[in-house]
PDB file of N, CA and C in Angstrom:
ATOM      1  N   MET A   1     225.632-110.043 -35.988  1.00  0.00           N
ATOM      2  CA  MET A   1     224.837-109.438 -37.039  1.00  0.00           C
ATOM      3  C   MET A   1     224.484-110.471 -38.112  1.00  0.00           C
ATOM      4  N   GLN A   2     225.450-111.346 -38.441  1.00  0.00           N
ATOM      5  CA  GLN A   2     225.201-112.340 -39.485  1.00  0.00           C
ATOM      6  C   GLN A   2     224.118-113.324 -39.049  1.00  0.00           C
ATOM      7  N   LYS A   3     224.162-113.768 -37.801  1.00  0.00           N
ATOM      8  CA  LYS A   3     223.138-114.683 -37.297  1.00  0.00           C
ATOM      9  C   LYS A   3     221.780-113.991 -37.262  1.00  0.00           C
ATOM     10  N   TYR A   4     221.763-112.713 -36.923  1.00  0.00           N
ATOM     11  CA  TYR A   4     220.517-111.944 -36.886  1.00  0.00           C
ATOM     12  C   TYR A   4     219.871-111.908 -38.270  1.00  0.00           C
ATOM     13  N   MET A   5     220.679-111.673 -39.317  1.00  0.00           N
ATOM     14  CA  MET A   5     220.145-111.614 -40.679  1.00  0.00           C
ATOM     15  C   MET A   5     219.672-112.992 -41.145  1.00  0.00           C
ATOM     16  N   LYS A   6     220.408-114.041 -40.804  1.00  0.00           N
ATOM     17  CA  LYS A   6     219.981-115.387 -41.186  1.00  0.00           C
ATOM     18  C   LYS A   6     218.630-115.729 -40.550  1.00  0.00           C
ATOM     19  N   ASP A   7     218.483-115.378 -39.283  1.00  0.00           N
ATOM     20  CA  ASP A   7     217.210-115.630 -38.602  1.00  0.00           C
ATOM     21  C   ASP A   7     216.082-114.826 -39.234  1.00  0.00           C
ATOM     22  N   ASN A   8     216.376-113.592 -39.601  1.00  0.00           N
ATOM     23  CA  ASN A   8     215.359-112.763 -40.249  1.00  0.00           C
ATOM     24  C   ASN A   8     214.966-113.332 -41.605  1.00  0.00           C
ATOM     25  N   PHE A   9     215.930-113.796 -42.387  1.00  0.00           N
ATOM     26  CA  PHE A   9     215.612-114.376 -43.689  1.00  0.00           C
ATOM     27  C   PHE A   9     214.793-115.652 -43.551  1.00  0.00           C
ATOM     28  N   ARG A  10     215.113-116.467 -42.568  1.00  0.00           N
ATOM     29  CA  ARG A  10     214.306-117.674 -42.334  1.00  0.00           C
ATOM     30  C   ARG A  10     212.873-117.298 -41.967  1.00  0.00           C
ATOM     31  N   LEU A  11     212.740-116.303 -41.129  1.00  0.00           N
ATOM     32  CA  LEU A  11     211.425-115.846 -40.710  1.00  0.00           C
ATOM     33  C   LEU A  11     210.647-115.259 -41.889  1.00  0.00           C
ATOM     34  N   VAL A  12     211.307-114.472 -42.715  1.00  0.00           N
ATOM     35  CA  VAL A  12     210.659-113.860 -43.873  1.00  0.00           C
ATOM     36  C   VAL A  12     210.221-114.922 -44.874  1.00  0.00           C
ATOM     37  N   LEU A  13     211.030-115.933 -45.088  1.00  0.00           N
ATOM     38  CA  LEU A  13     210.699-116.970 -46.059  1.00  0.00           C
ATOM     39  C   LEU A  13     209.544-117.861 -45.608  1.00  0.00           C
ATOM     40  N   GLN A  14     209.155-117.763 -44.355  1.00  0.00           N
ATOM     41  CA  GLN A  14     207.979-118.505 -43.895  1.00  0.00           C
ATOM     42  C   GLN A  14     206.683-117.804 -44.284  1.00  0.00           C
ATOM     43  N   ASP A  15     206.759-116.530 -44.630  1.00  0.00           N
ATOM     44  CA  ASP A  15     205.593-115.771 -45.071  1.00  0.00           C
ATOM     45  C   ASP A  15     205.333-116.108 -46.547  1.00  0.00           C
ATOM     46  N   ASN A  16     204.150-116.642 -46.844  1.00  0.00           N
ATOM     47  CA  ASN A  16     203.845-117.100 -48.203  1.00  0.00           C
ATOM     48  C   ASN A  16     203.900-115.983 -49.236  1.00  0.00           C
ATOM     49  N   LEU A  17     203.335-114.830 -48.926  1.00  0.00           N
ATOM     50  CA  LEU A  17     203.319-113.726 -49.880  1.00  0.00           C
ATOM     51  C   LEU A  17     204.735-113.269 -50.218  1.00  0.00           C
ATOM     52  N   ILE A  18     205.557-113.108 -49.223  1.00  0.00           N
ATOM     53  CA  ILE A  18     206.932-112.661 -49.447  1.00  0.00           C
ATOM     54  C   ILE A  18     207.710-113.720 -50.214  1.00  0.00           C
ATOM     55  N   ARG A  19     207.523-114.980 -49.877  1.00  0.00           N
ATOM     56  CA  ARG A  19     208.233-116.054 -50.566  1.00  0.00           C
ATOM     57  C   ARG A  19     207.843-116.110 -52.045  1.00  0.00           C
ATOM     58  N   ILE A  20     206.552-115.983 -52.336  1.00  0.00           N
ATOM     59  CA  ILE A  20     206.097-115.999 -53.726  1.00  0.00           C
ATOM     60  C   ILE A  20     206.674-114.803 -54.481  1.00  0.00           C
ATOM     61  N   CYS A  21     206.602-113.621 -53.877  1.00  0.00           N
ATOM     62  CA  CYS A  21     207.164-112.424 -54.521  1.00  0.00           C
ATOM     63  C   CYS A  21     208.660-112.574 -54.765  1.00  0.00           C
ATOM     64  N   LEU A  22     209.351-113.154 -53.816  1.00  0.00           N
ATOM     65  CA  LEU A  22     210.787-113.359 -53.950  1.00  0.00           C
ATOM     66  C   LEU A  22     211.109-114.293 -55.109  1.00  0.00           C
ATOM     67  N   TYR A  23     210.434-115.420 -55.185  1.00  0.00           N
ATOM     68  CA  TYR A  23     210.713-116.390 -56.250  1.00  0.00           C
ATOM     69  C   TYR A  23     210.303-115.875 -57.623  1.00  0.00           C
ATOM     70  N   VAL A  24     209.175-115.194 -57.705  1.00  0.00           N
ATOM     71  CA  VAL A  24     208.745-114.646 -58.998  1.00  0.00           C
ATOM     72  C   VAL A  24     209.701-113.531 -59.431  1.00  0.00           C
ATOM     73  N   SER A  25     210.151-112.712 -58.509  1.00  0.00           N
ATOM     74  CA  SER A  25     211.111-111.657 -58.838  1.00  0.00           C
ATOM     75  C   SER A  25     212.419-112.240 -59.347  1.00  0.00           C
ATOM     76  N   ILE A  26     212.884-113.284 -58.689  1.00  0.00           N
ATOM     77  CA  ILE A  26     214.122-113.938 -59.133  1.00  0.00           C
ATOM     78  C   ILE A  26     213.942-114.522 -60.525  1.00  0.00           C
ATOM     79  N   SER A  27     212.786-115.131 -60.802  1.00  0.00           N
ATOM     80  CA  SER A  27     212.572-115.684 -62.139  1.00  0.00           C
ATOM     81  C   SER A  27     212.455-114.573 -63.178  1.00  0.00           C
ATOM     82  N   PHE A  28     211.845-113.427 -62.842  1.00  0.00           N
ATOM     83  CA  PHE A  28     211.799-112.289 -63.770  1.00  0.00           C
ATOM     84  C   PHE A  28     213.204-111.794 -64.089  1.00  0.00           C
ATOM     85  N   ILE A  29     214.042-111.676 -63.071  1.00  0.00           N
ATOM     86  CA  ILE A  29     215.423-111.232 -63.288  1.00  0.00           C
ATOM     87  C   ILE A  29     216.160-112.223 -64.170  1.00  0.00           C
ATOM     88  N   PHE A  30     215.983-113.505 -63.902  1.00  0.00           N
ATOM     89  CA  PHE A  30     216.645-114.543 -64.691  1.00  0.00           C
ATOM     90  C   PHE A  30     216.190-114.490 -66.149  1.00  0.00           C
ATOM     91  N   ILE A  31     214.881-114.385 -66.382  1.00  0.00           N
ATOM     92  CA  ILE A  31     214.340-114.323 -67.740  1.00  0.00           C
ATOM     93  C   ILE A  31     214.853-113.081 -68.457  1.00  0.00           C
ATOM     94  N   GLN A  32     214.848-111.959 -67.769  1.00  0.00           N
ATOM     95  CA  GLN A  32     215.301-110.718 -68.391  1.00  0.00           C
ATOM     96  C   GLN A  32     216.787-110.782 -68.729  1.00  0.00           C
ATOM     97  N   THR A  33     217.583-111.381 -67.871  1.00  0.00           N
ATOM     98  CA  THR A  33     219.014-111.512 -68.144  1.00  0.00           C
ATOM     99  C   THR A  33     219.247-112.427 -69.343  1.00  0.00           C
ATOM    100  N   LEU A  34     218.516-113.531 -69.406  1.00  0.00           N
ATOM    101  CA  LEU A  34     218.649-114.424 -70.556  1.00  0.00           C
ATOM    102  C   LEU A  34     218.247-113.738 -71.860  1.00  0.00           C
ATOM    103  N   LEU A  35     217.148-113.001 -71.826  1.00  0.00           N
ATOM    104  CA  LEU A  35     216.706-112.283 -73.018  1.00  0.00           C
ATOM    105  C   LEU A  35     217.713-111.206 -73.424  1.00  0.00           C
ATOM    106  N   THR A  36     218.289-110.536 -72.457  1.00  0.00           N
ATOM    107  CA  THR A  36     219.293-109.512 -72.750  1.00  0.00           C
ATOM    108  C   THR A  36     220.509-110.131 -73.433  1.00  0.00           C
ATOM    109  N   VAL A  37     220.988-111.217 -72.898  1.00  0.00           N
ATOM    110  CA  VAL A  37     222.159-111.885 -73.490  1.00  0.00           C
ATOM    111  C   VAL A  37     221.818-112.438 -74.873  1.00  0.00           C
ATOM    112  N   TYR A  38     220.604-112.936 -75.046  1.00  0.00           N
ATOM    113  CA  TYR A  38     220.194-113.504 -76.337  1.00  0.00           C
ATOM    114  C   TYR A  38     220.063-112.424 -77.414  1.00  0.00           C
ATOM    115  N   PHE A  39     219.423-111.306 -77.086  1.00  0.00           N
ATOM    116  CA  PHE A  39     219.153-110.275 -78.084  1.00  0.00           C
ATOM    117  C   PHE A  39     220.302-109.297 -78.296  1.00  0.00           C
ATOM    118  N   PHE A  40     221.250-109.209 -77.386  1.00  0.00           N
ATOM    119  CA  PHE A  40     222.310-108.215 -77.490  1.00  0.00           C
ATOM    120  C   PHE A  40     223.098-108.295 -78.804  1.00  0.00           C
ATOM    121  N   PRO A  41     223.540-109.476 -79.256  1.00  0.00           N
ATOM    122  CA  PRO A  41     224.305-109.507 -80.516  1.00  0.00           C
ATOM    123  C   PRO A  41     223.470-109.099 -81.740  1.00  0.00           C
ATOM    124  N   LYS A  42     222.166-109.177 -81.648  1.00  0.00           N
ATOM    125  CA  LYS A  42     221.291-108.883 -82.778  1.00  0.00           C
ATOM    126  C   LYS A  42     220.855-107.415 -82.821  1.00  0.00           C
ATOM    127  N   LEU A  43     221.209-106.633 -81.813  1.00  0.00           N
ATOM    128  CA  LEU A  43     220.756-105.250 -81.738  1.00  0.00           C
ATOM    129  C   LEU A  43     221.516-104.367 -82.729  1.00  0.00           C
ATOM    130  N   PRO A  44     220.827-103.352 -83.271  1.00  0.00           N
ATOM    131  CA  PRO A  44     221.503-102.409 -84.169  1.00  0.00           C
ATOM    132  C   PRO A  44     222.435-101.487 -83.377  1.00  0.00           C
ATOM    133  N   PRO A  45     223.204-100.644 -84.069  1.00  0.00           N
ATOM    134  CA  PRO A  45     224.161 -99.762 -83.371  1.00  0.00           C
ATOM    135  C   PRO A  45     223.502 -98.761 -82.412  1.00  0.00           C
ATOM    136  N   LEU A  46     222.267 -98.386 -82.669  1.00  0.00           N
ATOM    137  CA  LEU A  46     221.530 -97.492 -81.771  1.00  0.00           C
ATOM    138  C   LEU A  46     220.146 -98.081 -81.521  1.00  0.00           C
ATOM    139  N   ILE A  47     219.707 -97.998 -80.264  1.00  0.00           N
ATOM    140  CA  ILE A  47     218.386 -98.532 -79.906  1.00  0.00           C
ATOM    141  C   ILE A  47     217.572 -97.434 -79.226  1.00  0.00           C
ATOM    142  N   PRO A  48     216.236 -97.504 -79.300  1.00  0.00           N
ATOM    143  CA  PRO A  48     215.401 -96.517 -78.593  1.00  0.00           C
ATOM    144  C   PRO A  48     215.378 -96.831 -77.099  1.00  0.00           C
ATOM    145  N   PHE A  49     216.218 -96.160 -76.351  1.00  0.00           N
ATOM    146  CA  PHE A  49     216.395 -96.496 -74.944  1.00  0.00           C
ATOM    147  C   PHE A  49     215.696 -95.509 -74.010  1.00  0.00           C
ATOM    148  N   ILE A  50     215.762 -94.229 -74.329  1.00  0.00           N
ATOM    149  CA  ILE A  50     215.220 -93.205 -73.443  1.00  0.00           C
ATOM    150  C   ILE A  50     213.821 -92.864 -73.942  1.00  0.00           C
ATOM    151  N   ASN A  51     212.829 -93.591 -73.480  1.00  0.00           N
ATOM    152  CA  ASN A  51     211.477 -93.478 -74.004  1.00  0.00           C
ATOM    153  C   ASN A  51     210.751 -92.210 -73.564  1.00  0.00           C
ATOM    154  N   SER A  52     211.279 -91.477 -72.616  1.00  0.00           N
ATOM    155  CA  SER A  52     210.626 -90.248 -72.180  1.00  0.00           C
ATOM    156  C   SER A  52     210.938 -89.079 -73.114  1.00  0.00           C
ATOM    157  N   ARG A  53     211.894 -89.258 -73.988  1.00  0.00           N
ATOM    158  CA  ARG A  53     212.263 -88.209 -74.940  1.00  0.00           C
ATOM    159  C   ARG A  53     211.374 -88.279 -76.180  1.00  0.00           C
ATOM    160  N   PRO A  54     211.287 -87.166 -76.928  1.00  0.00           N
ATOM    161  CA  PRO A  54     210.509 -87.203 -78.170  1.00  0.00           C
ATOM    162  C   PRO A  54     211.166 -88.117 -79.201  1.00  0.00           C
ATOM    163  N   TRP A  55     210.371 -88.537 -80.161  1.00  0.00           N
ATOM    164  CA  TRP A  55     210.858 -89.455 -81.173  1.00  0.00           C
ATOM    165  C   TRP A  55     211.986 -88.792 -81.956  1.00  0.00           C
ATOM    166  N   GLY A  56     213.058 -89.520 -82.171  1.00  0.00           N
ATOM    167  CA  GLY A  56     214.172 -88.996 -82.953  1.00  0.00           C
ATOM    168  C   GLY A  56     215.504 -89.378 -82.350  1.00  0.00           C
ATOM    169  N   GLN A  57     216.526 -88.651 -82.733  1.00  0.00           N
ATOM    170  CA  GLN A  57     217.907 -88.935 -82.353  1.00  0.00           C
ATOM    171  C   GLN A  57     218.121 -88.887 -80.839  1.00  0.00           C
ATOM    172  N   GLU A  58     217.393 -88.013 -80.132  1.00  0.00           N
ATOM    173  CA  GLU A  58     217.584 -87.873 -78.683  1.00  0.00           C
ATOM    174  C   GLU A  58     217.155 -89.113 -77.913  1.00  0.00           C
ATOM    175  N   ARG A  59     216.342 -89.920 -78.522  1.00  0.00           N
ATOM    176  CA  ARG A  59     215.809 -91.116 -77.865  1.00  0.00           C
ATOM    177  C   ARG A  59     216.753 -92.311 -77.986  1.00  0.00           C
ATOM    178  N   LEU A  60     217.684 -92.241 -78.898  1.00  0.00           N
ATOM    179  CA  LEU A  60     218.552 -93.379 -79.195  1.00  0.00           C
ATOM    180  C   LEU A  60     219.766 -93.417 -78.273  1.00  0.00           C
ATOM    181  N   ALA A  61     220.247 -94.637 -78.022  1.00  0.00           N
ATOM    182  CA  ALA A  61     221.422 -94.833 -77.172  1.00  0.00           C
ATOM    183  C   ALA A  61     222.160 -96.087 -77.623  1.00  0.00           C
ATOM    184  N   SER A  62     223.318 -96.269 -77.070  1.00  0.00           N
ATOM    185  CA  SER A  62     224.130 -97.442 -77.376  1.00  0.00           C
ATOM    186  C   SER A  62     223.454 -98.707 -76.839  1.00  0.00           C
ATOM    187  N   PRO A  63     223.542 -99.816 -77.577  1.00  0.00           N
ATOM    188  CA  PRO A  63     222.916-101.054 -77.099  1.00  0.00           C
ATOM    189  C   PRO A  63     223.516-101.589 -75.800  1.00  0.00           C
ATOM    190  N   SER A  64     224.745-101.191 -75.481  1.00  0.00           N
ATOM    191  CA  SER A  64     225.349-101.688 -74.237  1.00  0.00           C
ATOM    192  C   SER A  64     224.599-101.185 -73.000  1.00  0.00           C
ATOM    193  N   LEU A  65     223.833-100.105 -73.154  1.00  0.00           N
ATOM    194  CA  LEU A  65     223.038 -99.594 -72.030  1.00  0.00           C
ATOM    195  C   LEU A  65     221.902-100.531 -71.647  1.00  0.00           C
ATOM    196  N   ILE A  66     221.588-101.477 -72.518  1.00  0.00           N
ATOM    197  CA  ILE A  66     220.498-102.408 -72.223  1.00  0.00           C
ATOM    198  C   ILE A  66     220.829-103.285 -71.005  1.00  0.00           C
ATOM    199  N   PHE A  67     222.127-103.423 -70.703  1.00  0.00           N
ATOM    200  CA  PHE A  67     222.528-104.198 -69.530  1.00  0.00           C
ATOM    201  C   PHE A  67     222.266-103.441 -68.229  1.00  0.00           C
ATOM    202  N   LEU A  68     222.000-102.136 -68.333  1.00  0.00           N
ATOM    203  CA  LEU A  68     221.665-101.370 -67.135  1.00  0.00           C
ATOM    204  C   LEU A  68     220.312-101.765 -66.566  1.00  0.00           C
ATOM    205  N   ILE A  69     219.404-102.184 -67.441  1.00  0.00           N
ATOM    206  CA  ILE A  69     218.055-102.518 -66.972  1.00  0.00           C
ATOM    207  C   ILE A  69     218.087-103.681 -65.979  1.00  0.00           C
ATOM    208  N   PRO A  70     218.657-104.854 -66.335  1.00  0.00           N
ATOM    209  CA  PRO A  70     218.688-105.918 -65.326  1.00  0.00           C
ATOM    210  C   PRO A  70     219.550-105.562 -64.113  1.00  0.00           C
ATOM    211  N   GLY A  71     220.635-104.822 -64.334  1.00  0.00           N
ATOM    212  CA  GLY A  71     221.486-104.430 -63.213  1.00  0.00           C
ATOM    213  C   GLY A  71     220.768-103.532 -62.227  1.00  0.00           C
ATOM    214  N   PHE A  72     220.027-102.572 -62.750  1.00  0.00           N
ATOM    215  CA  PHE A  72     219.257-101.666 -61.905  1.00  0.00           C
ATOM    216  C   PHE A  72     218.193-102.426 -61.119  1.00  0.00           C
ATOM    217  N   PHE A  73     217.529-103.354 -61.774  1.00  0.00           N
ATOM    218  CA  PHE A  73     216.464-104.077 -61.102  1.00  0.00           C
ATOM    219  C   PHE A  73     216.985-105.116 -60.111  1.00  0.00           C
ATOM    220  N   VAL A  74     218.171-105.620 -60.321  1.00  0.00           N
ATOM    221  CA  VAL A  74     218.788-106.492 -59.317  1.00  0.00           C
ATOM    222  C   VAL A  74     219.090-105.668 -58.059  1.00  0.00           C
ATOM    223  N   ALA A  75     219.584-104.449 -58.250  1.00  0.00           N
ATOM    224  CA  ALA A  75     219.864-103.586 -57.100  1.00  0.00           C
ATOM    225  C   ALA A  75     218.580-103.267 -56.333  1.00  0.00           C
ATOM    226  N   ILE A  76     217.512-102.931 -57.044  1.00  0.00           N
ATOM    227  CA  ILE A  76     216.217-102.653 -56.402  1.00  0.00           C
ATOM    228  C   ILE A  76     215.729-103.893 -55.656  1.00  0.00           C
ATOM    229  N   PHE A  77     215.864-105.055 -56.290  1.00  0.00           N
ATOM    230  CA  PHE A  77     215.442-106.314 -55.674  1.00  0.00           C
ATOM    231  C   PHE A  77     216.200-106.563 -54.366  1.00  0.00           C
ATOM    232  N   LEU A  78     217.511-106.412 -54.409  1.00  0.00           N
ATOM    233  CA  LEU A  78     218.320-106.663 -53.211  1.00  0.00           C
ATOM    234  C   LEU A  78     217.997-105.681 -52.093  1.00  0.00           C
ATOM    235  N   ILE A  79     217.902-104.409 -52.423  1.00  0.00           N
ATOM    236  CA  ILE A  79     217.619-103.396 -51.399  1.00  0.00           C
ATOM    237  C   ILE A  79     216.248-103.630 -50.765  1.00  0.00           C
ATOM    238  N   ASN A  80     215.230-103.840 -51.596  1.00  0.00           N
ATOM    239  CA  ASN A  80     213.882-104.036 -51.051  1.00  0.00           C
ATOM    240  C   ASN A  80     213.792-105.291 -50.196  1.00  0.00           C
ATOM    241  N   ASN A  81     214.415-106.366 -50.635  1.00  0.00           N
ATOM    242  CA  ASN A  81     214.298-107.607 -49.862  1.00  0.00           C
ATOM    243  C   ASN A  81     215.161-107.596 -48.608  1.00  0.00           C
ATOM    244  N   LEU A  82     216.281-106.901 -48.626  1.00  0.00           N
ATOM    245  CA  LEU A  82     217.058-106.750 -47.390  1.00  0.00           C
ATOM    246  C   LEU A  82     216.290-105.904 -46.378  1.00  0.00           C
ATOM    247  N   MET A  83     215.684-104.826 -46.858  1.00  0.00           N
ATOM    248  CA  MET A  83     214.872-104.003 -45.955  1.00  0.00           C
ATOM    249  C   MET A  83     213.663-104.784 -45.455  1.00  0.00           C
ATOM    250  N   SER A  84     213.096-105.612 -46.308  1.00  0.00           N
ATOM    251  CA  SER A  84     211.964-106.441 -45.917  1.00  0.00           C
ATOM    252  C   SER A  84     212.355-107.384 -44.781  1.00  0.00           C
ATOM    253  N   ALA A  85     213.536-107.968 -44.888  1.00  0.00           N
ATOM    254  CA  ALA A  85     214.001-108.870 -43.834  1.00  0.00           C
ATOM    255  C   ALA A  85     214.278-108.121 -42.533  1.00  0.00           C
ATOM    256  N   LEU A  86     214.776-106.908 -42.656  1.00  0.00           N
ATOM    257  CA  LEU A  86     215.072-106.132 -41.451  1.00  0.00           C
ATOM    258  C   LEU A  86     213.802-105.685 -40.725  1.00  0.00           C
ATOM    259  N   PHE A  87     212.771-105.334 -41.464  1.00  0.00           N
ATOM    260  CA  PHE A  87     211.556-104.784 -40.870  1.00  0.00           C
ATOM    261  C   PHE A  87     210.505-105.828 -40.539  1.00  0.00           C
ATOM    262  N   TYR A  88     210.727-107.091 -40.863  1.00  0.00           N
ATOM    263  CA  TYR A  88     209.670-108.084 -40.735  1.00  0.00           C
ATOM    264  C   TYR A  88     209.166-108.233 -39.298  1.00  0.00           C
ATOM    265  N   LYS A  89     210.053-108.275 -38.338  1.00  0.00           N
ATOM    266  CA  LYS A  89     209.631-108.463 -36.944  1.00  0.00           C
ATOM    267  C   LYS A  89     208.870-107.244 -36.415  1.00  0.00           C
ATOM    268  N   GLN A  90     209.303-106.047 -36.797  1.00  0.00           N
ATOM    269  CA  GLN A  90     208.657-104.842 -36.290  1.00  0.00           C
ATOM    270  C   GLN A  90     207.336-104.556 -36.999  1.00  0.00           C
ATOM    271  N   ASN A  91     207.314-104.725 -38.326  1.00  0.00           N
ATOM    272  CA  ASN A  91     206.131-104.364 -39.091  1.00  0.00           C
ATOM    273  C   ASN A  91     206.016-105.287 -40.303  1.00  0.00           C
ATOM    274  N   THR A  92     205.183-106.276 -40.193  1.00  0.00           N
ATOM    275  CA  THR A  92     205.013-107.269 -41.250  1.00  0.00           C
ATOM    276  C   THR A  92     204.420-106.653 -42.512  1.00  0.00           C
ATOM    277  N   LEU A  93     203.510-105.716 -42.350  1.00  0.00           N
ATOM    278  CA  LEU A  93     202.868-105.086 -43.504  1.00  0.00           C
ATOM    279  C   LEU A  93     203.889-104.341 -44.364  1.00  0.00           C
ATOM    280  N   VAL A  94     204.771-103.582 -43.750  1.00  0.00           N
ATOM    281  CA  VAL A  94     205.803-102.860 -44.498  1.00  0.00           C
ATOM    282  C   VAL A  94     206.708-103.845 -45.225  1.00  0.00           C
ATOM    283  N   SER A  95     207.035-104.923 -44.564  1.00  0.00           N
ATOM    284  CA  SER A  95     207.869-105.943 -45.173  1.00  0.00           C
ATOM    285  C   SER A  95     207.199-106.549 -46.406  1.00  0.00           C
ATOM    286  N   ARG A  96     205.925-106.841 -46.308  1.00  0.00           N
ATOM    287  CA  ARG A  96     205.183-107.385 -47.446  1.00  0.00           C
ATOM    288  C   ARG A  96     205.081-106.362 -48.571  1.00  0.00           C
ATOM    289  N   MET A  97     204.858-105.113 -48.217  1.00  0.00           N
ATOM    290  CA  MET A  97     204.764-104.067 -49.232  1.00  0.00           C
ATOM    291  C   MET A  97     206.086-103.908 -49.983  1.00  0.00           C
ATOM    292  N   LEU A  98     207.192-104.008 -49.281  1.00  0.00           N
ATOM    293  CA  LEU A  98     208.495-103.914 -49.940  1.00  0.00           C
ATOM    294  C   LEU A  98     208.710-105.077 -50.908  1.00  0.00           C
ATOM    295  N   SER A  99     208.287-106.259 -50.530  1.00  0.00           N
ATOM    296  CA  SER A  99     208.439-107.418 -51.412  1.00  0.00           C
ATOM    297  C   SER A  99     207.548-107.307 -52.645  1.00  0.00           C
ATOM    298  N   VAL A 100     206.333-106.852 -52.457  1.00  0.00           N
ATOM    299  CA  VAL A 100     205.431-106.672 -53.596  1.00  0.00           C
ATOM    300  C   VAL A 100     205.948-105.559 -54.505  1.00  0.00           C
ATOM    301  N   THR A 101     206.489-104.503 -53.910  1.00  0.00           N
ATOM    302  CA  THR A 101     207.059-103.416 -54.702  1.00  0.00           C
ATOM    303  C   THR A 101     208.239-103.919 -55.540  1.00  0.00           C
ATOM    304  N   ALA A 102     209.075-104.761 -54.963  1.00  0.00           N
ATOM    305  CA  ALA A 102     210.185-105.331 -55.726  1.00  0.00           C
ATOM    306  C   ALA A 102     209.656-106.155 -56.894  1.00  0.00           C
ATOM    307  N   LEU A 103     208.612-106.927 -56.655  1.00  0.00           N
ATOM    308  CA  LEU A 103     208.011-107.714 -57.727  1.00  0.00           C
ATOM    309  C   LEU A 103     207.466-106.822 -58.837  1.00  0.00           C
ATOM    310  N   LEU A 104     206.799-105.738 -58.472  1.00  0.00           N
ATOM    311  CA  LEU A 104     206.261-104.823 -59.475  1.00  0.00           C
ATOM    312  C   LEU A 104     207.378-104.152 -60.274  1.00  0.00           C
ATOM    313  N   PHE A 105     208.481-103.811 -59.617  1.00  0.00           N
ATOM    314  CA  PHE A 105     209.619-103.252 -60.334  1.00  0.00           C
ATOM    315  C   PHE A 105     210.181-104.257 -61.341  1.00  0.00           C
ATOM    316  N   MET A 106     210.243-105.515 -60.952  1.00  0.00           N
ATOM    317  CA  MET A 106     210.750-106.543 -61.874  1.00  0.00           C
ATOM    318  C   MET A 106     209.827-106.674 -63.087  1.00  0.00           C
ATOM    319  N   LEU A 107     208.531-106.654 -62.838  1.00  0.00           N
ATOM    320  CA  LEU A 107     207.560-106.748 -63.927  1.00  0.00           C
ATOM    321  C   LEU A 107     207.693-105.553 -64.871  1.00  0.00           C
ATOM    322  N   LEU A 108     207.799-104.364 -64.303  1.00  0.00           N
ATOM    323  CA  LEU A 108     207.970-103.170 -65.131  1.00  0.00           C
ATOM    324  C   LEU A 108     209.296-103.195 -65.885  1.00  0.00           C
ATOM    325  N   GLY A 109     210.306-103.781 -65.286  1.00  0.00           N
ATOM    326  CA  GLY A 109     211.592-103.908 -65.971  1.00  0.00           C
ATOM    327  C   GLY A 109     211.504-104.798 -67.196  1.00  0.00           C
ATOM    328  N   ILE A 110     210.805-105.900 -67.063  1.00  0.00           N
ATOM    329  CA  ILE A 110     210.630-106.787 -68.215  1.00  0.00           C
ATOM    330  C   ILE A 110     209.805-106.097 -69.292  1.00  0.00           C
ATOM    331  N   LEU A 111     208.771-105.367 -68.889  1.00  0.00           N
ATOM    332  CA  LEU A 111     207.953-104.658 -69.869  1.00  0.00           C
ATOM    333  C   LEU A 111     208.752-103.569 -70.587  1.00  0.00           C
ATOM    334  N   ALA A 112     209.596-102.847 -69.869  1.00  0.00           N
ATOM    335  CA  ALA A 112     210.443-101.825 -70.496  1.00  0.00           C
ATOM    336  C   ALA A 112     211.420-102.466 -71.472  1.00  0.00           C
ATOM    337  N   PHE A 113     212.004-103.582 -71.070  1.00  0.00           N
ATOM    338  CA  PHE A 113     212.934-104.295 -71.949  1.00  0.00           C
ATOM    339  C   PHE A 113     212.213-104.795 -73.201  1.00  0.00           C
ATOM    340  N   LEU A 114     211.042-105.390 -73.030  1.00  0.00           N
ATOM    341  CA  LEU A 114     210.284-105.889 -74.180  1.00  0.00           C
ATOM    342  C   LEU A 114     209.853-104.756 -75.105  1.00  0.00           C
ATOM    343  N   GLN A 115     209.536-103.603 -74.545  1.00  0.00           N
ATOM    344  CA  GLN A 115     209.196-102.459 -75.371  1.00  0.00           C
ATOM    345  C   GLN A 115     210.381-102.067 -76.256  1.00  0.00           C
ATOM    346  N   ILE A 116     211.560-102.055 -75.708  1.00  0.00           N
ATOM    347  CA  ILE A 116     212.765-101.739 -76.489  1.00  0.00           C
ATOM    348  C   ILE A 116     212.958-102.779 -77.578  1.00  0.00           C
ATOM    349  N   ILE A 117     212.840-104.049 -77.227  1.00  0.00           N
ATOM    350  CA  ILE A 117     213.058-105.129 -78.197  1.00  0.00           C
ATOM    351  C   ILE A 117     212.021-105.073 -79.314  1.00  0.00           C
ATOM    352  N   PHE A 118     210.747-104.851 -78.957  1.00  0.00           N
ATOM    353  CA  PHE A 118     209.696-104.812 -79.977  1.00  0.00           C
ATOM    354  C   PHE A 118     209.833-103.584 -80.888  1.00  0.00           C
ATOM    355  N   LEU A 119     210.377-102.492 -80.372  1.00  0.00           N
ATOM    356  CA  LEU A 119     210.612-101.327 -81.217  1.00  0.00           C
ATOM    357  C   LEU A 119     211.760-101.567 -82.202  1.00  0.00           C
ATOM    358  N   VAL A 120     212.707-102.392 -81.804  1.00  0.00           N
ATOM    359  CA  VAL A 120     213.868-102.676 -82.656  1.00  0.00           C
ATOM    360  C   VAL A 120     213.538-103.724 -83.704  1.00  0.00           C
ATOM    361  N   PHE A 121     212.830-104.767 -83.306  1.00  0.00           N
ATOM    362  CA  PHE A 121     212.587-105.883 -84.250  1.00  0.00           C
ATOM    363  C   PHE A 121     211.211-105.823 -84.826  1.00  0.00           C
TER     364      PHE A 121
END
């Protein structure tokens, strides 16, 4: 099984679109993690975290929840790219779509994080 996955990852990394999506997603995760660590000590006791709620007390949450954003997106990144590697031989289009979807999730994650930061500062 391990050799099968290594071969699949080598094959997937030869696809330019998937490779670009993979590297850009990794850089988005890295940037978001750095920004989270940088801004965390400067955050107030409550931050506007749950943006789907109406304005007020219900929207506020503890700043420690801000670490959920990069953690959640790392999980999405890993799941999508593992599935992409598994499906590449059978269906290249699905594999590419999963990689692009992971990239879009990373982009939306950075935008959600920046929205929180801009509302605070």
